[in-house]
Amino acid sequence: NSLKPEDTAVYYCKLDQLNRVYWGHGT
């Protein structure tokens, strides 16, 4: 909410489990 121009970016999802890291491709 209340988004600002400085929030402009590619947003990535990350999941951490069992010492492994997974990333999405971004939006």
mmCIF file of all heavy atoms, coordinates in Angstrom:
data_MODEL
# 
_entry.id   MODEL 
# 
loop_
_atom_site.group_PDB 
_atom_site.id 
_atom_site.type_symbol 
_atom_site.label_atom_id 
_atom_site.label_alt_id 
_atom_site.label_comp_id 
_atom_site.label_asym_id 
_atom_site.label_entity_id 
_atom_site.label_seq_id 
_atom_site.pdbx_PDB_ins_code 
_atom_site.Cartn_x 
_atom_site.Cartn_y 
_atom_site.Cartn_z 
_atom_site.occupancy 
_atom_site.B_iso_or_equiv 
_atom_site.pdbx_formal_charge 
_atom_site.auth_seq_id 
_atom_site.auth_comp_id 
_atom_site.auth_asym_id 
_atom_site.auth_atom_id 
_atom_site.pdbx_PDB_model_num 
ATOM 1   N N   . ASN A 1 1  ? 0.841  -1.191  0.000   1.00 0.00 ? 1  ASN A N   1 
ATOM 2   C CA  . ASN A 1 1  ? 0.000  0.000   0.000   1.00 0.00 ? 1  ASN A CA  1 
ATOM 3   C C   . ASN A 1 1  ? 0.880  1.246   0.000   1.00 0.00 ? 1  ASN A C   1 
ATOM 4   O O   . ASN A 1 1  ? 2.065  1.194   0.315   1.00 0.00 ? 1  ASN A O   1 
ATOM 5   C CB  . ASN A 1 1  ? -0.909 0.008   1.225   1.00 0.00 ? 1  ASN A CB  1 
ATOM 6   C CG  . ASN A 1 1  ? -1.854 -1.180  1.255   1.00 0.00 ? 1  ASN A CG  1 
ATOM 7   O OD1 . ASN A 1 1  ? -2.291 -1.677  0.222   1.00 0.00 ? 1  ASN A OD1 1 
ATOM 8   N ND2 . ASN A 1 1  ? -2.181 -1.634  2.455   1.00 0.00 ? 1  ASN A ND2 1 
ATOM 9   N N   . SER A 1 2  ? 0.260  2.372   -0.328  1.00 0.00 ? 2  SER A N   1 
ATOM 10  C CA  . SER A 1 2  ? 0.979  3.660   -0.338  1.00 0.00 ? 2  SER A CA  1 
ATOM 11  C C   . SER A 1 2  ? 2.288  3.550   -1.104  1.00 0.00 ? 2  SER A C   1 
ATOM 12  O O   . SER A 1 2  ? 3.346  3.979   -0.626  1.00 0.00 ? 2  SER A O   1 
ATOM 13  C CB  . SER A 1 2  ? 1.241  4.121   1.108   1.00 0.00 ? 2  SER A CB  1 
ATOM 14  O OG  . SER A 1 2  ? 0.029  4.247   1.823   1.00 0.00 ? 2  SER A OG  1 
ATOM 15  N N   . LEU A 1 3  ? 2.212  2.990   -2.281  1.00 0.00 ? 3  LEU A N   1 
ATOM 16  C CA  . LEU A 1 3  ? 3.423  2.757   -3.060  1.00 0.00 ? 3  LEU A CA  1 
ATOM 17  C C   . LEU A 1 3  ? 4.080  4.059   -3.475  1.00 0.00 ? 3  LEU A C   1 
ATOM 18  O O   . LEU A 1 3  ? 3.399  5.067   -3.736  1.00 0.00 ? 3  LEU A O   1 
ATOM 19  C CB  . LEU A 1 3  ? 3.099  1.906   -4.289  1.00 0.00 ? 3  LEU A CB  1 
ATOM 20  C CG  . LEU A 1 3  ? 2.933  0.406   -3.987  1.00 0.00 ? 3  LEU A CG  1 
ATOM 21  C CD1 . LEU A 1 3  ? 2.161  -0.292  -5.082  1.00 0.00 ? 3  LEU A CD1 1 
ATOM 22  C CD2 . LEU A 1 3  ? 4.286  -0.243  -3.776  1.00 0.00 ? 3  LEU A CD2 1 
ATOM 23  N N   . LYS A 1 4  ? 5.408  4.025   -3.532  1.00 0.00 ? 4  LYS A N   1 
ATOM 24  C CA  . LYS A 1 4  ? 6.217  5.182   -3.891  1.00 0.00 ? 4  LYS A CA  1 
ATOM 25  C C   . LYS A 1 4  ? 7.051  4.842   -5.135  1.00 0.00 ? 4  LYS A C   1 
ATOM 26  O O   . LYS A 1 4  ? 7.341  3.672   -5.379  1.00 0.00 ? 4  LYS A O   1 
ATOM 27  C CB  . LYS A 1 4  ? 7.160  5.531   -2.746  1.00 0.00 ? 4  LYS A CB  1 
ATOM 28  C CG  . LYS A 1 4  ? 6.470  5.777   -1.416  1.00 0.00 ? 4  LYS A CG  1 
ATOM 29  C CD  . LYS A 1 4  ? 7.496  6.004   -0.316  1.00 0.00 ? 4  LYS A CD  1 
ATOM 30  C CE  . LYS A 1 4  ? 6.831  6.231   1.029   1.00 0.00 ? 4  LYS A CE  1 
ATOM 31  N NZ  . LYS A 1 4  ? 7.832  6.445   2.118   1.00 0.00 ? 4  LYS A NZ  1 
ATOM 32  N N   . PRO A 1 5  ? 7.462  5.840   -5.888  1.00 0.00 ? 5  PRO A N   1 
ATOM 33  C CA  . PRO A 1 5  ? 8.316  5.563   -7.057  1.00 0.00 ? 5  PRO A CA  1 
ATOM 34  C C   . PRO A 1 5  ? 9.567  4.768   -6.692  1.00 0.00 ? 5  PRO A C   1 
ATOM 35  O O   . PRO A 1 5  ? 10.019 3.939   -7.492  1.00 0.00 ? 5  PRO A O   1 
ATOM 36  C CB  . PRO A 1 5  ? 8.660  6.966   -7.563  1.00 0.00 ? 5  PRO A CB  1 
ATOM 37  C CG  . PRO A 1 5  ? 7.486  7.795   -7.171  1.00 0.00 ? 5  PRO A CG  1 
ATOM 38  C CD  . PRO A 1 5  ? 7.062  7.247   -5.830  1.00 0.00 ? 5  PRO A CD  1 
ATOM 39  N N   . GLU A 1 6  ? 10.100 4.977   -5.505  1.00 0.00 ? 6  GLU A N   1 
ATOM 40  C CA  . GLU A 1 6  ? 11.302 4.248   -5.098  1.00 0.00 ? 6  GLU A CA  1 
ATOM 41  C C   . GLU A 1 6  ? 11.031 2.776   -4.796  1.00 0.00 ? 6  GLU A C   1 
ATOM 42  O O   . GLU A 1 6  ? 11.969 2.017   -4.556  1.00 0.00 ? 6  GLU A O   1 
ATOM 43  C CB  . GLU A 1 6  ? 11.966 4.910   -3.882  1.00 0.00 ? 6  GLU A CB  1 
ATOM 44  C CG  . GLU A 1 6  ? 11.035 5.204   -2.725  1.00 0.00 ? 6  GLU A CG  1 
ATOM 45  C CD  . GLU A 1 6  ? 10.534 6.643   -2.738  1.00 0.00 ? 6  GLU A CD  1 
ATOM 46  O OE1 . GLU A 1 6  ? 10.176 7.140   -3.842  1.00 0.00 ? 6  GLU A OE1 1 
ATOM 47  O OE2 . GLU A 1 6  ? 10.485 7.255   -1.646  1.00 0.00 ? 6  GLU A OE2 1 
ATOM 48  N N   . ASP A 1 7  ? 9.777  2.362   -4.818  1.00 0.00 ? 7  ASP A N   1 
ATOM 49  C CA  . ASP A 1 7  ? 9.457  0.938   -4.685  1.00 0.00 ? 7  ASP A CA  1 
ATOM 50  C C   . ASP A 1 7  ? 9.572  0.206   -6.019  1.00 0.00 ? 7  ASP A C   1 
ATOM 51  O O   . ASP A 1 7  ? 9.440  -1.014  -6.066  1.00 0.00 ? 7  ASP A O   1 
ATOM 52  C CB  . ASP A 1 7  ? 8.032  0.764   -4.143  1.00 0.00 ? 7  ASP A CB  1 
ATOM 53  C CG  . ASP A 1 7  ? 7.872  1.268   -2.731  1.00 0.00 ? 7  ASP A CG  1 
ATOM 54  O OD1 . ASP A 1 7  ? 8.775  1.020   -1.895  1.00 0.00 ? 7  ASP A OD1 1 
ATOM 55  O OD2 . ASP A 1 7  ? 6.845  1.910   -2.434  1.00 0.00 ? 7  ASP A OD2 1 
ATOM 56  N N   . THR A 1 8  ? 9.808  0.946   -7.086  1.00 0.00 ? 8  THR A N   1 
ATOM 57  C CA  . THR A 1 8  ? 9.950  0.341   -8.401  1.00 0.00 ? 8  THR A CA  1 
ATOM 58  C C   . THR A 1 8  ? 11.134 -0.613  -8.425  1.00 0.00 ? 8  THR A C   1 
ATOM 59  O O   . THR A 1 8  ? 12.255 -0.249  -8.065  1.00 0.00 ? 8  THR A O   1 
ATOM 60  C CB  . THR A 1 8  ? 10.141 1.423   -9.469  1.00 0.00 ? 8  THR A CB  1 
ATOM 61  O OG1 . THR A 1 8  ? 8.950  2.209   -9.553  1.00 0.00 ? 8  THR A OG1 1 
ATOM 62  C CG2 . THR A 1 8  ? 10.435 0.812   -10.831 1.00 0.00 ? 8  THR A CG2 1 
ATOM 63  N N   . ALA A 1 9  ? 10.872 -1.862  -8.831  1.00 0.00 ? 9  ALA A N   1 
ATOM 64  C CA  . ALA A 1 9  ? 11.905 -2.892  -8.835  1.00 0.00 ? 9  ALA A CA  1 
ATOM 65  C C   . ALA A 1 9  ? 11.306 -4.193  -9.368  1.00 0.00 ? 9  ALA A C   1 
ATOM 66  O O   . ALA A 1 9  ? 10.089 -4.296  -9.544  1.00 0.00 ? 9  ALA A O   1 
ATOM 67  C CB  . ALA A 1 9  ? 12.454 -3.130  -7.426  1.00 0.00 ? 9  ALA A CB  1 
ATOM 68  N N   . VAL A 1 10 ? 12.177 -5.158  -9.584  1.00 0.00 ? 10 VAL A N   1 
ATOM 69  C CA  . VAL A 1 10 ? 11.716 -6.522  -9.803  1.00 0.00 ? 10 VAL A CA  1 
ATOM 70  C C   . VAL A 1 10 ? 11.632 -7.179  -8.433  1.00 0.00 ? 10 VAL A C   1 
ATOM 71  O O   . VAL A 1 10 ? 12.602 -7.144  -7.669  1.00 0.00 ? 10 VAL A O   1 
ATOM 72  C CB  . VAL A 1 10 ? 12.664 -7.308  -10.728 1.00 0.00 ? 10 VAL A CB  1 
ATOM 73  C CG1 . VAL A 1 10 ? 12.169 -8.743  -10.877 1.00 0.00 ? 10 VAL A CG1 1 
ATOM 74  C CG2 . VAL A 1 10 ? 12.771 -6.632  -12.095 1.00 0.00 ? 10 VAL A CG2 1 
ATOM 75  N N   . TYR A 1 11 ? 10.497 -7.757  -8.141  1.00 0.00 ? 11 TYR A N   1 
ATOM 76  C CA  . TYR A 1 11 ? 10.278 -8.387  -6.841  1.00 0.00 ? 11 TYR A CA  1 
ATOM 77  C C   . TYR A 1 11 ? 10.401 -9.905  -7.000  1.00 0.00 ? 11 TYR A C   1 
ATOM 78  O O   . TYR A 1 11 ? 9.756  -10.499 -7.876  1.00 0.00 ? 11 TYR A O   1 
ATOM 79  C CB  . TYR A 1 11 ? 8.903  -8.013  -6.301  1.00 0.00 ? 11 TYR A CB  1 
ATOM 80  C CG  . TYR A 1 11 ? 8.866  -6.608  -5.738  1.00 0.00 ? 11 TYR A CG  1 
ATOM 81  C CD1 . TYR A 1 11 ? 8.975  -5.496  -6.575  1.00 0.00 ? 11 TYR A CD1 1 
ATOM 82  C CD2 . TYR A 1 11 ? 8.754  -6.392  -4.362  1.00 0.00 ? 11 TYR A CD2 1 
ATOM 83  C CE1 . TYR A 1 11 ? 8.967  -4.209  -6.059  1.00 0.00 ? 11 TYR A CE1 1 
ATOM 84  C CE2 . TYR A 1 11 ? 8.748  -5.105  -3.842  1.00 0.00 ? 11 TYR A CE2 1 
ATOM 85  C CZ  . TYR A 1 11 ? 8.848  -4.025  -4.693  1.00 0.00 ? 11 TYR A CZ  1 
ATOM 86  O OH  . TYR A 1 11 ? 8.843  -2.748  -4.176  1.00 0.00 ? 11 TYR A OH  1 
ATOM 87  N N   . TYR A 1 12 ? 11.224 -10.481 -6.141  1.00 0.00 ? 12 TYR A N   1 
ATOM 88  C CA  . TYR A 1 12 ? 11.507 -11.912 -6.191  1.00 0.00 ? 12 TYR A CA  1 
ATOM 89  C C   . TYR A 1 12 ? 11.005 -12.602 -4.931  1.00 0.00 ? 12 TYR A C   1 
ATOM 90  O O   . TYR A 1 12 ? 11.156 -12.080 -3.816  1.00 0.00 ? 12 TYR A O   1 
ATOM 91  C CB  . TYR A 1 12 ? 13.003 -12.166 -6.303  1.00 0.00 ? 12 TYR A CB  1 
ATOM 92  C CG  . TYR A 1 12 ? 13.639 -11.647 -7.567  1.00 0.00 ? 12 TYR A CG  1 
ATOM 93  C CD1 . TYR A 1 12 ? 14.172 -10.368 -7.621  1.00 0.00 ? 12 TYR A CD1 1 
ATOM 94  C CD2 . TYR A 1 12 ? 13.721 -12.447 -8.702  1.00 0.00 ? 12 TYR A CD2 1 
ATOM 95  C CE1 . TYR A 1 12 ? 14.763 -9.887  -8.771  1.00 0.00 ? 12 TYR A CE1 1 
ATOM 96  C CE2 . TYR A 1 12 ? 14.318 -11.977 -9.865  1.00 0.00 ? 12 TYR A CE2 1 
ATOM 97  C CZ  . TYR A 1 12 ? 14.826 -10.693 -9.890  1.00 0.00 ? 12 TYR A CZ  1 
ATOM 98  O OH  . TYR A 1 12 ? 15.419 -10.238 -11.039 1.00 0.00 ? 12 TYR A OH  1 
ATOM 99  N N   . CYS A 1 13 ? 10.482 -13.779 -5.105  1.00 0.00 ? 13 CYS A N   1 
ATOM 100 C CA  . CYS A 1 13 ? 10.077 -14.629 -4.001  1.00 0.00 ? 13 CYS A CA  1 
ATOM 101 C C   . CYS A 1 13 ? 11.226 -15.588 -3.685  1.00 0.00 ? 13 CYS A C   1 
ATOM 102 O O   . CYS A 1 13 ? 11.904 -16.081 -4.600  1.00 0.00 ? 13 CYS A O   1 
ATOM 103 C CB  . CYS A 1 13 ? 8.832  -15.409 -4.407  1.00 0.00 ? 13 CYS A CB  1 
ATOM 104 S SG  . CYS A 1 13 ? 8.203  -16.546 -3.162  1.00 0.00 ? 13 CYS A SG  1 
ATOM 105 N N   . LYS A 1 14 ? 11.418 -15.851 -2.403  1.00 0.00 ? 14 LYS A N   1 
ATOM 106 C CA  . LYS A 1 14 ? 12.489 -16.752 -1.960  1.00 0.00 ? 14 LYS A CA  1 
ATOM 107 C C   . LYS A 1 14 ? 11.936 -17.722 -0.934  1.00 0.00 ? 14 LYS A C   1 
ATOM 108 O O   . LYS A 1 14 ? 11.129 -17.347 -0.081  1.00 0.00 ? 14 LYS A O   1 
ATOM 109 C CB  . LYS A 1 14 ? 13.617 -15.937 -1.350  1.00 0.00 ? 14 LYS A CB  1 
ATOM 110 C CG  . LYS A 1 14 ? 14.777 -16.749 -0.794  1.00 0.00 ? 14 LYS A CG  1 
ATOM 111 C CD  . LYS A 1 14 ? 15.758 -15.816 -0.072  1.00 0.00 ? 14 LYS A CD  1 
ATOM 112 C CE  . LYS A 1 14 ? 16.859 -16.577 0.630   1.00 0.00 ? 14 LYS A CE  1 
ATOM 113 N NZ  . LYS A 1 14 ? 17.706 -15.702 1.466   1.00 0.00 ? 14 LYS A NZ  1 
ATOM 114 N N   . LEU A 1 15 ? 12.404 -18.953 -1.010  1.00 0.00 ? 15 LEU A N   1 
ATOM 115 C CA  . LEU A 1 15 ? 12.037 -19.970 -0.017  1.00 0.00 ? 15 LEU A CA  1 
ATOM 116 C C   . LEU A 1 15 ? 13.311 -20.610 0.519   1.00 0.00 ? 15 LEU A C   1 
ATOM 117 O O   . LEU A 1 15 ? 14.196 -20.986 -0.261  1.00 0.00 ? 15 LEU A O   1 
ATOM 118 C CB  . LEU A 1 15 ? 11.122 -21.033 -0.639  1.00 0.00 ? 15 LEU A CB  1 
ATOM 119 C CG  . LEU A 1 15 ? 10.571 -22.102 0.301   1.00 0.00 ? 15 LEU A CG  1 
ATOM 120 C CD1 . LEU A 1 15 ? 9.180  -22.543 -0.149  1.00 0.00 ? 15 LEU A CD1 1 
ATOM 121 C CD2 . LEU A 1 15 ? 11.476 -23.308 0.410   1.00 0.00 ? 15 LEU A CD2 1 
ATOM 122 N N   . ASP A 1 16 ? 13.393 -20.679 1.846   1.00 0.00 ? 16 ASP A N   1 
ATOM 123 C CA  . ASP A 1 16 ? 14.525 -21.328 2.524   1.00 0.00 ? 16 ASP A CA  1 
ATOM 124 C C   . ASP A 1 16 ? 14.007 -22.552 3.268   1.00 0.00 ? 16 ASP A C   1 
ATOM 125 O O   . ASP A 1 16 ? 13.095 -22.430 4.087   1.00 0.00 ? 16 ASP A O   1 
ATOM 126 C CB  . ASP A 1 16 ? 15.149 -20.399 3.567   1.00 0.00 ? 16 ASP A CB  1 
ATOM 127 C CG  . ASP A 1 16 ? 15.815 -19.198 2.964   1.00 0.00 ? 16 ASP A CG  1 
ATOM 128 O OD1 . ASP A 1 16 ? 15.103 -18.233 2.649   1.00 0.00 ? 16 ASP A OD1 1 
ATOM 129 O OD2 . ASP A 1 16 ? 17.044 -19.234 2.837   1.00 0.00 ? 16 ASP A OD2 1 
ATOM 130 N N   . GLN A 1 17 ? 14.606 -23.707 2.998   1.00 0.00 ? 17 GLN A N   1 
ATOM 131 C CA  . GLN A 1 17 ? 14.295 -24.891 3.786   1.00 0.00 ? 17 GLN A CA  1 
ATOM 132 C C   . GLN A 1 17 ? 15.455 -25.858 3.702   1.00 0.00 ? 17 GLN A C   1 
ATOM 133 O O   . GLN A 1 17 ? 16.093 -25.993 2.648   1.00 0.00 ? 17 GLN A O   1 
ATOM 134 C CB  . GLN A 1 17 ? 12.996 -25.558 3.324   1.00 0.00 ? 17 GLN A CB  1 
ATOM 135 C CG  . GLN A 1 17 ? 13.037 -26.157 1.949   1.00 0.00 ? 17 GLN A CG  1 
ATOM 136 C CD  . GLN A 1 17 ? 11.742 -26.892 1.620   1.00 0.00 ? 17 GLN A CD  1 
ATOM 137 O OE1 . GLN A 1 17 ? 10.701 -26.737 2.259   1.00 0.00 ? 17 GLN A OE1 1 
ATOM 138 N NE2 . GLN A 1 17 ? 11.808 -27.730 0.584   1.00 0.00 ? 17 GLN A NE2 1 
ATOM 139 N N   . LEU A 1 18 ? 15.734 -26.505 4.822   1.00 0.00 ? 18 LEU A N   1 
ATOM 140 C CA  . LEU A 1 18 ? 16.776 -27.531 4.888   1.00 0.00 ? 18 LEU A CA  1 
ATOM 141 C C   . LEU A 1 18 ? 18.089 -27.026 4.280   1.00 0.00 ? 18 LEU A C   1 
ATOM 142 O O   . LEU A 1 18 ? 18.746 -27.739 3.509   1.00 0.00 ? 18 LEU A O   1 
ATOM 143 C CB  . LEU A 1 18 ? 16.309 -28.800 4.162   1.00 0.00 ? 18 LEU A CB  1 
ATOM 144 C CG  . LEU A 1 18 ? 15.018 -29.437 4.686   1.00 0.00 ? 18 LEU A CG  1 
ATOM 145 C CD1 . LEU A 1 18 ? 14.657 -30.657 3.865   1.00 0.00 ? 18 LEU A CD1 1 
ATOM 146 C CD2 . LEU A 1 18 ? 15.148 -29.769 6.159   1.00 0.00 ? 18 LEU A CD2 1 
ATOM 147 N N   . ASN A 1 19 ? 18.440 -25.816 4.626   1.00 0.00 ? 19 ASN A N   1 
ATOM 148 C CA  . ASN A 1 19 ? 19.694 -25.213 4.169   1.00 0.00 ? 19 ASN A CA  1 
ATOM 149 C C   . ASN A 1 19 ? 19.782 -25.058 2.657   1.00 0.00 ? 19 ASN A C   1 
ATOM 150 O O   . ASN A 1 19 ? 20.887 -24.972 2.100   1.00 0.00 ? 19 ASN A O   1 
ATOM 151 C CB  . ASN A 1 19 ? 20.894 -26.012 4.680   1.00 0.00 ? 19 ASN A CB  1 
ATOM 152 C CG  . ASN A 1 19 ? 21.002 -25.968 6.197   1.00 0.00 ? 19 ASN A CG  1 
ATOM 153 O OD1 . ASN A 1 19 ? 20.798 -24.924 6.804   1.00 0.00 ? 19 ASN A OD1 1 
ATOM 154 N ND2 . ASN A 1 19 ? 21.285 -27.104 6.803   1.00 0.00 ? 19 ASN A ND2 1 
ATOM 155 N N   . ARG A 1 20 ? 18.658 -25.036 1.996   1.00 0.00 ? 20 ARG A N   1 
ATOM 156 C CA  . ARG A 1 20 ? 18.627 -24.773 0.556   1.00 0.00 ? 20 ARG A CA  1 
ATOM 157 C C   . ARG A 1 20 ? 17.785 -23.538 0.291   1.00 0.00 ? 20 ARG A C   1 
ATOM 158 O O   . ARG A 1 20 ? 16.827 -23.258 1.021   1.00 0.00 ? 20 ARG A O   1 
ATOM 159 C CB  . ARG A 1 20 ? 18.072 -25.963 -0.215  1.00 0.00 ? 20 ARG A CB  1 
ATOM 160 C CG  . ARG A 1 20 ? 18.997 -27.170 -0.197  1.00 0.00 ? 20 ARG A CG  1 
ATOM 161 C CD  . ARG A 1 20 ? 18.533 -28.248 -1.159  1.00 0.00 ? 20 ARG A CD  1 
ATOM 162 N NE  . ARG A 1 20 ? 19.473 -29.355 -1.228  1.00 0.00 ? 20 ARG A NE  1 
ATOM 163 C CZ  . ARG A 1 20 ? 19.320 -30.399 -2.043  1.00 0.00 ? 20 ARG A CZ  1 
ATOM 164 N NH1 . ARG A 1 20 ? 18.286 -30.465 -2.862  1.00 0.00 ? 20 ARG A NH1 1 
ATOM 165 N NH2 . ARG A 1 20 ? 20.219 -31.358 -2.042  1.00 0.00 ? 20 ARG A NH2 1 
ATOM 166 N N   . VAL A 1 21 ? 18.154 -22.831 -0.764  1.00 0.00 ? 21 VAL A N   1 
ATOM 167 C CA  . VAL A 1 21 ? 17.478 -21.591 -1.123  1.00 0.00 ? 21 VAL A CA  1 
ATOM 168 C C   . VAL A 1 21 ? 16.919 -21.711 -2.535  1.00 0.00 ? 21 VAL A C   1 
ATOM 169 O O   . VAL A 1 21 ? 17.619 -22.183 -3.450  1.00 0.00 ? 21 VAL A O   1 
ATOM 170 C CB  . VAL A 1 21 ? 18.445 -20.394 -1.050  1.00 0.00 ? 21 VAL A CB  1 
ATOM 171 C CG1 . VAL A 1 21 ? 17.757 -19.130 -1.540  1.00 0.00 ? 21 VAL A CG1 1 
ATOM 172 C CG2 . VAL A 1 21 ? 18.959 -20.213 0.373   1.00 0.00 ? 21 VAL A CG2 1 
ATOM 173 N N   . TYR A 1 22 ? 15.686 -21.288 -2.696  1.00 0.00 ? 22 TYR A N   1 
ATOM 174 C CA  . TYR A 1 22 ? 15.029 -21.319 -3.999  1.00 0.00 ? 22 TYR A CA  1 
ATOM 175 C C   . TYR A 1 22 ? 14.504 -19.918 -4.312  1.00 0.00 ? 22 TYR A C   1 
ATOM 176 O O   . TYR A 1 22 ? 13.995 -19.226 -3.416  1.00 0.00 ? 22 TYR A O   1 
ATOM 177 C CB  . TYR A 1 22 ? 13.877 -22.325 -3.995  1.00 0.00 ? 22 TYR A CB  1 
ATOM 178 C CG  . TYR A 1 22 ? 14.288 -23.720 -3.613  1.00 0.00 ? 22 TYR A CG  1 
ATOM 179 C CD1 . TYR A 1 22 ? 14.267 -24.125 -2.281  1.00 0.00 ? 22 TYR A CD1 1 
ATOM 180 C CD2 . TYR A 1 22 ? 14.726 -24.630 -4.575  1.00 0.00 ? 22 TYR A CD2 1 
ATOM 181 C CE1 . TYR A 1 22 ? 14.652 -25.408 -1.918  1.00 0.00 ? 22 TYR A CE1 1 
ATOM 182 C CE2 . TYR A 1 22 ? 15.110 -25.923 -4.217  1.00 0.00 ? 22 TYR A CE2 1 
ATOM 183 C CZ  . TYR A 1 22 ? 15.073 -26.299 -2.892  1.00 0.00 ? 22 TYR A CZ  1 
ATOM 184 O OH  . TYR A 1 22 ? 15.470 -27.564 -2.532  1.00 0.00 ? 22 TYR A OH  1 
ATOM 185 N N   . TRP A 1 23 ? 14.607 -19.535 -5.577  1.00 0.00 ? 23 TRP A N   1 
ATOM 186 C CA  . TRP A 1 23 ? 14.150 -18.217 -6.016  1.00 0.00 ? 23 TRP A CA  1 
ATOM 187 C C   . TRP A 1 23 ? 13.133 -18.355 -7.145  1.00 0.00 ? 23 TRP A C   1 
ATOM 188 O O   . TRP A 1 23 ? 13.228 -19.257 -7.979  1.00 0.00 ? 23 TRP A O   1 
ATOM 189 C CB  . TRP A 1 23 ? 15.319 -17.389 -6.547  1.00 0.00 ? 23 TRP A CB  1 
ATOM 190 C CG  . TRP A 1 23 ? 16.299 -16.943 -5.513  1.00 0.00 ? 23 TRP A CG  1 
ATOM 191 C CD1 . TRP A 1 23 ? 17.452 -17.569 -5.144  1.00 0.00 ? 23 TRP A CD1 1 
ATOM 192 C CD2 . TRP A 1 23 ? 16.216 -15.754 -4.716  1.00 0.00 ? 23 TRP A CD2 1 
ATOM 193 N NE1 . TRP A 1 23 ? 18.099 -16.845 -4.167  1.00 0.00 ? 23 TRP A NE1 1 
ATOM 194 C CE2 . TRP A 1 23 ? 17.364 -15.730 -3.893  1.00 0.00 ? 23 TRP A CE2 1 
ATOM 195 C CE3 . TRP A 1 23 ? 15.292 -14.719 -4.621  1.00 0.00 ? 23 TRP A CE3 1 
ATOM 196 C CZ2 . TRP A 1 23 ? 17.598 -14.694 -2.975  1.00 0.00 ? 23 TRP A CZ2 1 
ATOM 197 C CZ3 . TRP A 1 23 ? 15.540 -13.695 -3.713  1.00 0.00 ? 23 TRP A CZ3 1 
ATOM 198 C CH2 . TRP A 1 23 ? 16.669 -13.693 -2.905  1.00 0.00 ? 23 TRP A CH2 1 
ATOM 199 N N   . GLY A 1 24 ? 12.200 -17.422 -7.163  1.00 0.00 ? 24 GLY A N   1 
ATOM 200 C CA  . GLY A 1 24 ? 11.322 -17.303 -8.314  1.00 0.00 ? 24 GLY A CA  1 
ATOM 201 C C   . GLY A 1 24 ? 11.989 -16.465 -9.386  1.00 0.00 ? 24 GLY A C   1 
ATOM 202 O O   . GLY A 1 24 ? 13.104 -15.952 -9.205  1.00 0.00 ? 24 GLY A O   1 
ATOM 203 N N   . HIS A 1 25 ? 11.297 -16.296 -10.502 1.00 0.00 ? 25 HIS A N   1 
ATOM 204 C CA  . HIS A 1 25 ? 11.873 -15.554 -11.625 1.00 0.00 ? 25 HIS A CA  1 
ATOM 205 C C   . HIS A 1 25 ? 11.638 -14.052 -11.511 1.00 0.00 ? 25 HIS A C   1 
ATOM 206 O O   . HIS A 1 25 ? 12.232 -13.283 -12.265 1.00 0.00 ? 25 HIS A O   1 
ATOM 207 C CB  . HIS A 1 25 ? 11.307 -16.078 -12.941 1.00 0.00 ? 25 HIS A CB  1 
ATOM 208 C CG  . HIS A 1 25 ? 11.756 -17.471 -13.259 1.00 0.00 ? 25 HIS A CG  1 
ATOM 209 N ND1 . HIS A 1 25 ? 13.064 -17.781 -13.523 1.00 0.00 ? 25 HIS A ND1 1 
ATOM 210 C CD2 . HIS A 1 25 ? 11.071 -18.626 -13.328 1.00 0.00 ? 25 HIS A CD2 1 
ATOM 211 C CE1 . HIS A 1 25 ? 13.173 -19.084 -13.759 1.00 0.00 ? 25 HIS A CE1 1 
ATOM 212 N NE2 . HIS A 1 25 ? 11.979 -19.621 -13.643 1.00 0.00 ? 25 HIS A NE2 1 
ATOM 213 N N   . GLY A 1 26 ? 10.777 -13.652 -10.611 1.00 0.00 ? 26 GLY A N   1 
ATOM 214 C CA  . GLY A 1 26 ? 10.557 -12.229 -10.387 1.00 0.00 ? 26 GLY A CA  1 
ATOM 215 C C   . GLY A 1 26 ? 9.347  -11.677 -11.109 1.00 0.00 ? 26 GLY A C   1 
ATOM 216 O O   . GLY A 1 26 ? 8.917  -12.213 -12.139 1.00 0.00 ? 26 GLY A O   1 
ATOM 217 N N   . THR A 1 27 ? 8.815  -10.591 -10.555 1.00 0.00 ? 27 THR A N   1 
ATOM 218 C CA  . THR A 1 27 ? 7.702  -9.884  -11.170 1.00 0.00 ? 27 THR A CA  1 
ATOM 219 C C   . THR A 1 27 ? 7.980  -8.383  -11.061 1.00 0.00 ? 27 THR A C   1 
ATOM 220 O O   . THR A 1 27 ? 8.416  -7.902  -10.013 1.00 0.00 ? 27 THR A O   1 
ATOM 221 C CB  . THR A 1 27 ? 6.358  -10.262 -10.519 1.00 0.00 ? 27 THR A CB  1 
ATOM 222 O OG1 . THR A 1 27 ? 5.282  -9.611  -11.201 1.00 0.00 ? 27 THR A OG1 1 
ATOM 223 C CG2 . THR A 1 27 ? 6.297  -9.883  -9.048  1.00 0.00 ? 27 THR A CG2 1 
# 
